C-alpha atoms as a PDB file:
ATOM      1  CA  MET A   1       0.000   0.000   0.000  1.00  0.00           C
ATOM      2  CA  VAL A   2       1.094   3.567  -0.441  1.00  0.00           C
ATOM      3  CA  ARG A   3       1.839   6.422   1.888  1.00  0.00           C
ATOM      4  CA  ALA A   4       0.060   9.685   1.129  1.00  0.00           C
ATOM      5  CA  SER A   5       2.030  12.905   0.823  1.00  0.00           C
ATOM      6  CA  GLY A   6       0.952  16.498   0.341  1.00  0.00           C
ATOM      7  CA  VAL A   7      -2.763  15.705   0.700  1.00  0.00           C
ATOM      8  CA  ALA A   8      -5.015  18.768   0.782  1.00  0.00           C
ATOM      9  CA  ALA A   9      -6.750  19.428   4.109  1.00  0.00           C
ATOM     10  CA  ALA A  10      -8.966  16.414   4.682  1.00  0.00           C
ATOM     11  CA  ALA A  11     -11.923  16.909   7.001  1.00  0.00           C
ATOM     12  CA  VAL A  12     -11.512  13.568   8.718  1.00  0.00           C
ATOM     13  CA  ALA A  13     -10.138  12.912  12.171  1.00  0.00           C
ATOM     14  CA  VAL A  14     -10.430  11.028  15.401  1.00  0.00           C
ATOM     15  CA  GLY A  15     -11.077  13.436  18.230  1.00  0.00           C
ATOM     16  CA  ALA A  16     -10.762  16.514  16.030  1.00  0.00           C
ATOM     17  CA  LYS A  17     -12.910  19.585  16.626  1.00  0.00           C
ATOM     18  CA  ARG A  18     -16.243  19.639  14.762  1.00  0.00           C
ATOM     19  CA  THR A  19     -17.665  22.872  13.418  1.00  0.00           C
ATOM     20  CA  SER A  20     -20.271  24.604  15.578  1.00  0.00           C
ATOM     21  CA  GLY A  21     -23.964  24.857  14.809  1.00  0.00           C
ATOM     22  CA  PRO A  22     -26.283  22.209  13.376  1.00  0.00           C
ATOM     23  CA  ARG A  23     -24.271  19.395  11.876  1.00  0.00           C
ATOM     24  CA  PRO A  24     -24.942  18.529   8.226  1.00  0.00           C
ATOM     25  CA  ARG A  25     -25.378  14.897   7.252  1.00  0.00           C
ATOM     26  CA  ALA A  26     -21.740  14.718   6.112  1.00  0.00           C
ATOM     27  CA  ALA A  27     -19.928  15.876   9.252  1.00  0.00           C
ATOM     28  CA  VAL A  28     -17.171  18.445   8.670  1.00  0.00           C
ATOM     29  CA  VAL A  29     -14.139  18.435  10.928  1.00  0.00           C
ATOM     30  CA  GLU A  30     -11.477  21.073  11.479  1.00  0.00           C
ATOM     31  CA  ILE A  31      -8.055  19.495  11.264  1.00  0.00           C
ATOM     32  CA  ASP A  32      -4.549  20.910  11.191  1.00  0.00           C
ATOM     33  CA  ASP A  33      -2.071  19.850   8.532  1.00  0.00           C
ATOM     34  CA  SER A  34       0.182  17.790  10.806  1.00  0.00           C
ATOM     35  CA  LEU A  35      -2.698  15.767  12.264  1.00  0.00           C
ATOM     36  CA  GLU A  36      -4.170  15.313   8.804  1.00  0.00           C
ATOM     37  CA  GLY A  37      -0.936  13.874   7.457  1.00  0.00           C
ATOM     38  CA  GLU A  38      -0.672  11.443  10.361  1.00  0.00           C
ATOM     39  CA  LEU A  39      -4.253  10.259   9.949  1.00  0.00           C
ATOM     40  CA  VAL A  40      -4.074   9.679   6.210  1.00  0.00           C
ATOM     41  CA  ASP A  41      -0.721   7.942   6.539  1.00  0.00           C
ATOM     42  CA  ALA A  42      -1.990   5.726   9.348  1.00  0.00           C
ATOM     43  CA  GLY A  43      -5.076   4.926   7.317  1.00  0.00           C
ATOM     44  CA  SER A  44      -2.935   3.599   4.485  1.00  0.00           C
ATOM     45  CA  ARG A  45      -0.966   1.267   6.805  1.00  0.00           C
ATOM     46  CA  GLU A  46      -2.832   0.075   9.881  1.00  0.00           C
ATOM     47  CA  HIS A  47      -5.405  -2.146   8.173  1.00  0.00           C
ATOM     48  CA  TYR A  48      -2.560  -4.150   6.620  1.00  0.00           C
ATOM     49  CA  SER A  49      -0.398  -4.611   9.717  1.00  0.00           C
ATOM     50  CA  ASN A  50      -2.020  -7.926  10.707  1.00  0.00           C
ATOM     51  CA  ALA A  51      -1.985 -10.178   7.644  1.00  0.00           C
ATOM     52  CA  GLU A  52      -3.601 -13.108   9.433  1.00  0.00           C
ATOM     53  CA  LEU A  53      -6.603 -11.037  10.504  1.00  0.00           C
ATOM     54  CA  TYR A  54      -6.815  -9.406   7.072  1.00  0.00           C
ATOM     55  CA  ASP A  55      -6.932 -12.794   5.332  1.00  0.00           C
ATOM     56  CA  PHE A  56      -9.613 -13.990   7.750  1.00  0.00           C
ATOM     57  CA  GLU A  57     -11.803 -10.945   7.194  1.00  0.00           C
ATOM     58  CA  TYR A  58     -11.707 -11.250   3.385  1.00  0.00           C
ATOM     59  CA  ARG A  59     -11.562 -15.023   3.065  1.00  0.00           C
ATOM     60  CA  ARG A  60     -14.938 -15.150   1.307  1.00  0.00           C
ATOM     61  CA  ARG A  61     -14.130 -12.452  -1.261  1.00  0.00           C
ATOM     62  CA  ARG A  62     -13.773 -14.485  -4.447  1.00  0.00           C
ATOM     63  CA  ALA A  63     -15.639 -12.709  -7.263  1.00  0.00           C
ATOM     64  CA  ASP A  64     -12.770 -10.348  -8.042  1.00  0.00           C
ATOM     65  CA  VAL A  65     -10.298 -13.235  -8.093  1.00  0.00           C
ATOM     66  CA  THR A  66     -12.455 -14.976 -10.689  1.00  0.00           C
ATOM     67  CA  PHE A  67     -12.648 -11.776 -12.753  1.00  0.00           C
ATOM     68  CA  TYR A  68      -8.884 -11.203 -12.897  1.00  0.00           C
ATOM     69  CA  ARG A  69      -8.249 -14.862 -13.703  1.00  0.00           C
ATOM     70  CA  GLU A  70     -10.749 -14.719 -16.556  1.00  0.00           C
ATOM     71  CA  LEU A  71      -9.403 -11.403 -17.845  1.00  0.00           C
ATOM     72  CA  ALA A  72      -5.854 -12.768 -17.849  1.00  0.00           C
ATOM     73  CA  LYS A  73      -7.012 -15.875 -19.701  1.00  0.00           C
ATOM     74  CA  ARG A  74      -8.806 -13.795 -22.346  1.00  0.00           C
ATOM     75  CA  ARG A  75      -5.955 -11.382 -22.926  1.00  0.00           C
ATOM     76  CA  LEU A  76      -2.908 -13.580 -22.419  1.00  0.00           C
ATOM     77  CA  GLY A  77      -3.720 -17.253 -22.412  1.00  0.00           C
ATOM     78  CA  THR A  78      -0.798 -17.410 -20.021  1.00  0.00           C
ATOM     79  CA  GLY A  79       1.803 -14.694 -19.624  1.00  0.00           C
ATOM     80  CA  ARG A  80       3.473 -12.097 -17.444  1.00  0.00           C
ATOM     81  CA  ILE A  81       1.428 -10.008 -15.014  1.00  0.00           C
ATOM     82  CA  LEU A  82       2.436  -7.019 -12.888  1.00  0.00           C
ATOM     83  CA  GLU A  83       0.287  -6.817  -9.762  1.00  0.00           C
ATOM     84  CA  LEU A  84       0.060  -3.603  -7.740  1.00  0.00           C
ATOM     85  CA  GLY A  85      -0.940  -3.868  -4.089  1.00  0.00           C
ATOM     86  CA  ALA A  86      -0.682  -7.663  -4.103  1.00  0.00           C
ATOM     87  CA  GLY A  87      -0.974  -7.917  -0.328  1.00  0.00           C
ATOM     88  CA  SER A  88      -0.814 -11.492   0.981  1.00  0.00           C
ATOM     89  CA  GLY A  89      -1.470 -12.988  -2.447  1.00  0.00           C
ATOM     90  CA  ARG A  90      -5.228 -13.476  -2.534  1.00  0.00           C
ATOM     91  CA  VAL A  91      -5.187 -12.816  -6.308  1.00  0.00           C
ATOM     92  CA  THR A  92      -1.496 -13.517  -6.939  1.00  0.00           C
ATOM     93  CA  ILE A  93      -1.491 -17.195  -6.086  1.00  0.00           C
ATOM     94  CA  PRO A  94      -4.545 -18.197  -8.175  1.00  0.00           C
ATOM     95  CA  LEU A  95      -2.980 -16.406 -11.159  1.00  0.00           C
ATOM     96  CA  ALA A  96       0.281 -18.298 -10.656  1.00  0.00           C
ATOM     97  CA  ARG A  97      -1.614 -21.571 -10.367  1.00  0.00           C
ATOM     98  CA  ASP A  98      -3.180 -20.741 -13.738  1.00  0.00           C
ATOM     99  CA  GLY A  99       0.304 -20.651 -15.257  1.00  0.00           C
ATOM    100  CA  HIS A 100       0.990 -16.901 -15.230  1.00  0.00           C
ATOM    101  CA  THR A 101       4.257 -15.363 -14.055  1.00  0.00           C
ATOM    102  CA  VAL A 102       3.448 -12.615 -11.528  1.00  0.00           C
ATOM    103  CA  VAL A 103       5.587  -9.783 -10.174  1.00  0.00           C
ATOM    104  CA  ALA A 104       3.784  -8.791  -6.976  1.00  0.00           C
ATOM    105  CA  LEU A 105       4.362  -5.296  -5.555  1.00  0.00           C
ATOM    106  CA  ASP A 106       3.207  -3.989  -2.182  1.00  0.00           C
ATOM    107  CA  ARG A 107       4.348  -1.437   0.398  1.00  0.00           C
ATOM    108  CA  SER A 108       3.226  -3.394   3.463  1.00  0.00           C
ATOM    109  CA  GLU A 109       5.991  -5.622   4.803  1.00  0.00           C
ATOM    110  CA  PRO A 110       3.603  -7.706   6.975  1.00  0.00           C
ATOM    111  CA  MET A 111       1.486  -8.504   3.915  1.00  0.00           C
ATOM    112  CA  LEU A 112       4.523  -9.323   1.778  1.00  0.00           C
ATOM    113  CA  LYS A 113       5.889 -11.541   4.550  1.00  0.00           C
ATOM    114  CA  LYS A 114       2.645 -13.505   4.530  1.00  0.00           C
ATOM    115  CA  LEU A 115       2.727 -13.744   0.728  1.00  0.00           C
ATOM    116  CA  ARG A 116       6.303 -15.052   0.795  1.00  0.00           C
ATOM    117  CA  SER A 117       5.351 -17.707   3.360  1.00  0.00           C
ATOM    118  CA  ARG A 118       2.459 -18.796   1.162  1.00  0.00           C
ATOM    119  CA  VAL A 119       4.711 -18.933  -1.889  1.00  0.00           C
ATOM    120  CA  ALA A 120       7.182 -21.111   0.022  1.00  0.00           C
ATOM    121  CA  ALA A 121       4.405 -23.638   0.612  1.00  0.00           C
ATOM    122  CA  LEU A 122       3.370 -23.856  -3.059  1.00  0.00           C
ATOM    123  CA  PRO A 123       4.277 -26.773  -5.320  1.00  0.00           C
ATOM    124  CA  ALA A 124       7.712 -26.543  -6.921  1.00  0.00           C
ATOM    125  CA  ALA A 125       6.150 -25.968 -10.342  1.00  0.00           C
ATOM    126  CA  VAL A 126       4.172 -22.910  -9.132  1.00  0.00           C
ATOM    127  CA  ALA A 127       6.333 -21.064  -6.591  1.00  0.00           C
ATOM    128  CA  PRO A 128       8.990 -19.812  -9.076  1.00  0.00           C
ATOM    129  CA  ARG A 129       6.271 -17.999 -11.034  1.00  0.00           C
ATOM    130  CA  ILE A 130       5.878 -15.401  -8.250  1.00  0.00           C
ATOM    131  CA  THR A 131       8.367 -12.621  -7.518  1.00  0.00           C
ATOM    132  CA  THR A 132       7.667 -10.191  -4.671  1.00  0.00           C
ATOM    133  CA  ALA A 133       8.987  -6.677  -4.153  1.00  0.00           C
ATOM    134  CA  ARG A 134       8.336  -3.858  -1.693  1.00  0.00           C
ATOM    135  CA  ALA A 135       7.427  -0.756  -3.668  1.00  0.00           C
ATOM    136  CA  ASP A 136       5.676   2.607  -3.501  1.00  0.00           C
ATOM    137  CA  LEU A 137       2.953   2.670  -6.127  1.00  0.00           C
ATOM    138  CA  ARG A 138       3.546   6.362  -6.830  1.00  0.00           C
ATOM    139  CA  GLY A 139       6.978   5.643  -8.235  1.00  0.00           C
ATOM    140  CA  PHE A 140       8.166   2.087  -8.832  1.00  0.00           C
ATOM    141  CA  ARG A 141      10.475   0.460 -11.331  1.00  0.00           C
ATOM    142  CA  VAL A 142      10.809  -3.174 -12.330  1.00  0.00           C
ATOM    143  CA  ALA A 143      14.104  -3.034 -14.189  1.00  0.00           C
ATOM    144  CA  GLY A 144      14.152  -4.318 -17.730  1.00  0.00           C
ATOM    145  CA  GLN A 145      10.690  -5.843 -17.664  1.00  0.00           C
ATOM    146  CA  LYS A 146       7.540  -5.138 -19.674  1.00  0.00           C
ATOM    147  CA  PHE A 147       4.172  -6.757 -19.038  1.00  0.00           C
ATOM    148  CA  PRO A 148       1.190  -7.459 -21.292  1.00  0.00           C
ATOM    149  CA  LEU A 149      -1.104  -7.040 -18.279  1.00  0.00           C
ATOM    150  CA  ALA A 150      -0.966  -5.054 -15.032  1.00  0.00           C
ATOM    151  CA  ILE A 151      -3.659  -5.259 -12.353  1.00  0.00           C
ATOM    152  CA  ALA A 152      -4.599  -3.533  -9.087  1.00  0.00           C
ATOM    153  CA  ALA A 153      -7.353  -5.476  -7.335  1.00  0.00           C
ATOM    154  CA  PHE A 154      -9.595  -4.671  -4.360  1.00  0.00           C
ATOM    155  CA  ASN A 155      -9.554  -0.868  -4.221  1.00  0.00           C
ATOM    156  CA  VAL A 156      -5.758  -0.523  -4.205  1.00  0.00           C
ATOM    157  CA  LEU A 157      -5.923   2.800  -6.053  1.00  0.00           C
ATOM    158  CA  GLU A 158      -8.088   4.237  -3.272  1.00  0.00           C
ATOM    159  CA  HIS A 159      -4.809   4.640  -1.362  1.00  0.00           C
ATOM    160  CA  LEU A 160      -3.740   7.258  -3.892  1.00  0.00           C
ATOM    161  CA  TYR A 161      -5.239  10.334  -2.261  1.00  0.00           C
ATOM    162  CA  THR A 162      -4.538  13.121  -4.726  1.00  0.00           C
ATOM    163  CA  ARG A 163      -4.735  13.616  -8.468  1.00  0.00           C
ATOM    164  CA  GLY A 164      -0.945  13.836  -8.573  1.00  0.00           C
ATOM    165  CA  GLU A 165      -0.460  10.538  -6.772  1.00  0.00           C
ATOM    166  CA  LEU A 166      -2.883   8.698  -9.052  1.00  0.00           C
ATOM    167  CA  ASP A 167      -1.297  10.247 -12.129  1.00  0.00           C
ATOM    168  CA  ALA A 168       2.185   9.196 -10.986  1.00  0.00           C
ATOM    169  CA  CYS A 169       0.994   5.637 -10.451  1.00  0.00           C
ATOM    170  CA  LEU A 170      -0.749   5.418 -13.833  1.00  0.00           C
ATOM    171  CA  ARG A 171       2.308   6.753 -15.648  1.00  0.00           C
ATOM    172  CA  ALA A 172       4.534   4.254 -13.838  1.00  0.00           C
ATOM    173  CA  VAL A 173       2.178   1.479 -14.946  1.00  0.00           C
ATOM    174  CA  ALA A 174       2.230   2.717 -18.551  1.00  0.00           C
ATOM    175  CA  ALA A 175       6.027   2.660 -18.524  1.00  0.00           C
ATOM    176  CA  HIS A 176       5.932  -1.042 -17.628  1.00  0.00           C
ATOM    177  CA  LEU A 177       3.372  -2.177 -20.212  1.00  0.00           C
ATOM    178  CA  ALA A 178       4.410  -4.050 -23.319  1.00  0.00           C
ATOM    179  CA  PRO A 179       2.976  -2.897 -26.675  1.00  0.00           C
ATOM    180  CA  GLY A 180      -0.714  -3.776 -26.710  1.00  0.00           C
ATOM    181  CA  GLY A 181      -0.708  -4.199 -22.953  1.00  0.00           C
ATOM    182  CA  ALA A 182      -3.512  -3.268 -20.555  1.00  0.00           C
ATOM    183  CA  PHE A 183      -4.048  -2.129 -16.981  1.00  0.00           C
ATOM    184  CA  ALA A 184      -7.095  -3.450 -15.125  1.00  0.00           C
ATOM    185  CA  PHE A 185      -8.207  -2.272 -11.696  1.00  0.00           C
ATOM    186  CA  ASP A 186     -11.254  -1.839  -9.508  1.00  0.00           C
ATOM    187  CA  VAL A 187     -12.366   0.823  -7.046  1.00  0.00           C
ATOM    188  CA  GLN A 188     -15.627   1.225  -5.177  1.00  0.00           C
ATOM    189  CA  MET A 189     -18.568   3.109  -6.601  1.00  0.00           C
ATOM    190  CA  PRO A 190     -19.079   5.956  -4.092  1.00  0.00           C
ATOM    191  CA  ASP A 191     -22.248   5.372  -2.073  1.00  0.00           C
ATOM    192  CA  LEU A 192     -23.490   8.754  -0.855  1.00  0.00           C
ATOM    193  CA  ALA A 193     -25.895   7.209   1.648  1.00  0.00           C
ATOM    194  CA  TRP A 194     -23.006   5.291   3.233  1.00  0.00           C
ATOM    195  CA  LEU A 195     -20.542   8.183   3.056  1.00  0.00           C
ATOM    196  CA  THR A 196     -22.895  10.528   4.914  1.00  0.00           C
ATOM    197  CA  ARG A 197     -23.754   8.169   7.770  1.00  0.00           C
ATOM    198  CA  ASP A 198     -23.621   9.564  11.303  1.00  0.00           C
ATOM    199  CA  PRO A 199     -19.904   9.358  12.202  1.00  0.00           C
ATOM    200  CA  ASP A 200     -20.683   9.046  15.915  1.00  0.00           C
ATOM    201  CA  LYS A 201     -22.632   5.791  15.576  1.00  0.00           C
ATOM    202  CA  ARG A 202     -21.164   2.311  15.212  1.00  0.00           C
ATOM    203  CA  TRP A 203     -22.214   0.180  12.242  1.00  0.00           C
ATOM    204  CA  ALA A 204     -21.949  -3.447  11.073  1.00  0.00           C
ATOM    205  CA  ARG A 205     -21.523  -4.892  14.581  1.00  0.00           C
ATOM    206  CA  THR A 206     -20.337  -8.491  14.240  1.00  0.00           C
ATOM    207  CA  LYS A 207     -18.969 -11.074  16.655  1.00  0.00           C
ATOM    208  CA  PHE A 208     -16.113 -13.321  15.564  1.00  0.00           C
ATOM    209  CA  THR A 209     -13.077 -15.206  16.858  1.00  0.00           C
ATOM    210  CA  ASP A 210      -9.822 -13.371  16.174  1.00  0.00           C
ATOM    211  CA  PRO A 211      -7.534 -15.853  14.353  1.00  0.00           C
ATOM    212  CA  SER A 212      -4.456 -14.311  15.979  1.00  0.00           C
ATOM    213  CA  THR A 213      -5.564 -14.314  19.625  1.00  0.00           C
ATOM    214  CA  LYS A 214      -8.305 -17.007  19.412  1.00  0.00           C
ATOM    215  CA  LYS A 215     -10.487 -14.695  21.518  1.00  0.00           C
ATOM    216  CA  GLN A 216     -13.992 -13.541  20.667  1.00  0.00           C
ATOM    217  CA  VAL A 217     -14.233  -9.950  19.495  1.00  0.00           C
ATOM    218  CA  PHE A 218     -17.002  -7.532  18.558  1.00  0.00           C
ATOM    219  CA  TYR A 219     -16.270  -5.746  15.297  1.00  0.00           C
ATOM    220  CA  SER A 220     -17.912  -2.453  14.324  1.00  0.00           C
ATOM    221  CA  THR A 221     -17.075   0.531  12.162  1.00  0.00           C
ATOM    222  CA  ASN A 222     -17.766   4.201  11.513  1.00  0.00           C
ATOM    223  CA  HIS A 223     -16.137   6.975   9.523  1.00  0.00           C
ATOM    224  CA  ASP A 224     -15.838  10.649   8.706  1.00  0.00           C
ATOM    225  CA  TYR A 225     -15.997  11.807   5.096  1.00  0.00           C
ATOM    226  CA  ASP A 226     -14.516  14.931   3.535  1.00  0.00           C
ATOM    227  CA  PRO A 227     -16.706  15.673   0.484  1.00  0.00           C
ATOM    228  CA  VAL A 228     -14.290  18.258  -0.919  1.00  0.00           C
ATOM    229  CA  ASN A 229     -11.204  16.040  -1.079  1.00  0.00           C
ATOM    230  CA  GLN A 230     -13.341  12.877  -1.325  1.00  0.00           C
ATOM    231  CA  ILE A 231     -11.464  11.121   1.460  1.00  0.00           C
ATOM    232  CA  ALA A 232     -13.101   8.750   3.926  1.00  0.00           C
ATOM    233  CA  LEU A 233     -11.366   8.023   7.223  1.00  0.00           C
ATOM    234  CA  ILE A 234     -12.783   4.720   8.392  1.00  0.00           C
ATOM    235  CA  ARG A 235     -12.378   3.456  11.946  1.00  0.00           C
ATOM    236  CA  LEU A 236     -12.516  -0.294  12.568  1.00  0.00           C
ATOM    237  CA  PHE A 237     -13.268  -1.170  16.201  1.00  0.00           C
ATOM    238  CA  TYR A 238     -12.203  -4.501  17.720  1.00  0.00           C
ATOM    239  CA  GLU A 239     -13.748  -4.808  21.190  1.00  0.00           C
ATOM    240  CA  PRO A 240     -13.086  -7.851  23.440  1.00  0.00           C
ATOM    241  CA  ALA A 241     -16.374  -9.736  23.806  1.00  0.00           C
ATOM    242  CA  ASP A 242     -15.686 -10.466  27.479  1.00  0.00           C
ATOM    243  CA  GLY A 243     -15.155  -6.769  28.204  1.00  0.00           C
ATOM    244  CA  ARG A 244     -11.599  -7.349  29.372  1.00  0.00           C
ATOM    245  CA  GLY A 245      -9.016  -5.125  27.810  1.00  0.00           C
ATOM    246  CA  PRO A 246      -9.199  -2.037  25.622  1.00  0.00           C
ATOM    247  CA  THR A 247     -10.965  -1.665  22.304  1.00  0.00           C
ATOM    248  CA  ARG A 248      -8.476  -1.588  19.437  1.00  0.00           C
ATOM    249  CA  VAL A 249      -9.135   1.039  16.768  1.00  0.00           C
ATOM    250  CA  VAL A 250      -7.647   0.517  13.297  1.00  0.00           C
ATOM    251  CA  LYS A 251      -7.705   3.306  10.705  1.00  0.00           C
ATOM    252  CA  LEU A 252      -8.394   2.761   7.017  1.00  0.00           C
ATOM    253  CA  THR A 253      -8.276   5.793   4.726  1.00  0.00           C
ATOM    254  CA  GLN A 254      -9.786   5.673   1.221  1.00  0.00           C
ATOM    255  CA  ARG A 255     -10.036   8.172  -1.626  1.00  0.00           C
ATOM    256  CA  LYS A 256     -13.386   7.945  -3.407  1.00  0.00           C
ATOM    257  CA  TYR A 257     -13.444   8.260  -7.197  1.00  0.00           C
ATOM    258  CA  PHE A 258     -16.635   9.092  -9.087  1.00  0.00           C
ATOM    259  CA  PRO A 259     -17.070   7.494 -12.544  1.00  0.00           C
ATOM    260  CA  ALA A 260     -16.731  10.513 -14.850  1.00  0.00           C
ATOM    261  CA  GLU A 261     -13.871  11.866 -12.730  1.00  0.00           C
ATOM    262  CA  LEU A 262     -12.067   8.543 -12.844  1.00  0.00           C
ATOM    263  CA  GLU A 263     -12.391   8.255 -16.602  1.00  0.00           C
ATOM    264  CA  ALA A 264     -10.984  11.796 -16.991  1.00  0.00           C
ATOM    265  CA  LEU A 265      -8.046  11.056 -14.681  1.00  0.00           C
ATOM    266  CA  VAL A 266      -7.239   7.891 -16.582  1.00  0.00           C
ATOM    267  CA  ALA A 267      -7.351   9.802 -19.880  1.00  0.00           C
ATOM    268  CA  HIS A 268      -5.114  12.553 -18.467  1.00  0.00           C
ATOM    269  CA  ALA A 269      -2.466   9.922 -17.702  1.00  0.00           C
ATOM    270  CA  GLY A 270      -2.508   8.729 -21.298  1.00  0.00           C
ATOM    271  CA  PHE A 271      -4.893   5.777 -21.123  1.00  0.00           C
ATOM    272  CA  ARG A 272      -8.121   4.991 -22.911  1.00  0.00           C
ATOM    273  CA  VAL A 273     -10.833   2.883 -21.296  1.00  0.00           C
ATOM    274  CA  VAL A 274     -11.512  -0.261 -23.342  1.00  0.00           C
ATOM    275  CA  GLY A 275     -13.756  -1.926 -20.776  1.00  0.00           C
ATOM    276  CA  ARG A 276     -15.782  -0.532 -17.885  1.00  0.00           C
ATOM    277  CA  TYR A 277     -17.894  -2.807 -15.719  1.00  0.00           C
ATOM    278  CA  GLY A 278     -20.105  -2.549 -12.663  1.00  0.00           C
ATOM    279  CA  ASP A 279     -19.330  -5.968 -11.229  1.00  0.00           C
ATOM    280  CA  PHE A 280     -16.874  -8.832 -11.514  1.00  0.00           C
ATOM    281  CA  SER A 281     -19.019 -10.698 -14.018  1.00  0.00           C
ATOM    282  CA  PHE A 282     -18.326  -8.159 -16.790  1.00  0.00           C
ATOM    283  CA  GLY A 283     -21.755  -6.571 -16.222  1.00  0.00           C
ATOM    284  CA  PRO A 284     -22.447  -2.938 -17.174  1.00  0.00           C
ATOM    285  CA  LEU A 285     -21.660  -0.043 -14.862  1.00  0.00           C
ATOM    286  CA  ASP A 286     -24.820   1.607 -13.540  1.00  0.00           C
ATOM    287  CA  GLY A 287     -26.055   3.466 -10.498  1.00  0.00           C
ATOM    288  CA  ALA A 288     -26.623   0.258  -8.535  1.00  0.00           C
ATOM    289  CA  ALA A 289     -23.045  -0.962  -8.949  1.00  0.00           C
ATOM    290  CA  GLU A 290     -20.852  -1.474  -5.892  1.00  0.00           C
ATOM    291  CA  SER A 291     -17.600  -1.440  -7.859  1.00  0.00           C
ATOM    292  CA  GLN A 292     -16.112   0.249 -10.900  1.00  0.00           C
ATOM    293  CA  VAL A 293     -13.937  -2.197 -12.815  1.00  0.00           C
ATOM    294  CA  LEU A 294     -11.847  -0.641 -15.591  1.00  0.00           C
ATOM    295  CA  VAL A 295      -9.637  -2.120 -18.278  1.00  0.00           C
ATOM    296  CA  CYS A 296      -7.406   0.530 -19.860  1.00  0.00           C
ATOM    297  CA  GLU A 297      -4.818   0.643 -22.613  1.00  0.00           C
ATOM    298  CA  PRO A 298      -2.243   3.365 -23.278  1.00  0.00           C
ATOM    299  CA  ARG A 299      -3.304   5.650 -26.108  1.00  0.00           C
ATOM    300  CA  SER A 300      -1.172   5.448 -29.207  1.00  0.00           C
ATOM    301  CA  PRO A 301       1.016   8.568 -29.507  1.00  0.00           C
ATOM    302  CA  THR A 302      -0.256  11.053 -32.060  1.00  0.00           C
ATOM    303  CA  ARG A 303       1.806  10.897 -35.188  1.00  0.00           C
ATOM    304  CA  LYS A 304       3.316  14.128 -36.430  1.00  0.00           C
ATOM    305  CA  SER A 305       2.414  15.062 -39.983  1.00  0.00           C
END
């Protein structure tokens, strides 16, 4: 995952001062620059610090894996794939099992450590197909290698918080694509009803057994949303079910991209959208979609007359 830098004043904070007077549905928070930077940075890291818990929480998320496997099959048969934000290998390993060679990039060392341990346990015919590297998605380089397909699954680009950061990432991807190559990624479709929920209430309360501690925990979440910079600061609460011990609060910061905006940003970085879907079954993008799934190709340079 990436670390944000130079983010414009985001109105999201824990314990920050709220504006006086009646509160609008989307709560606005006053926040100084230093606190803002800490919060956004923490929100790009903390959710990925416990790879075992992360894998447990998303163990049933399979539709996107199926999509990227099918896309790779359609475009490559088998071939080389560059994966951004690979995490612990939820998508990486199925692609390698399909016969693809995957270079997996991520910023989170705990997630990469888990991926490497999973690779070590793979059959001898599969493990050499995966190469891992710690990298910042705003400026990475895989020396001497070009790829017919690059992917960024499960909202990875939502950790690029400014137009400049997204543009830097897209241009780095373009520099690594082989002629005729494509970049496929997904981000969430912004849900205004969810974004403007009361930030003082807890939502999605669930009881589960923490795979790390083997203790029962109540999970819940809330968030603040800055509608100007389109940044959501999400708080994930892990409260011991027996009431013993403190509640752990994990931050997760996401940049929300609206469809027309996203298409314009992609075009500005030199890509054209060749496929845009509203789910992981190649269905159309519409107002009911939960995800925006884009397949993009670099535009051919304009020839001089």
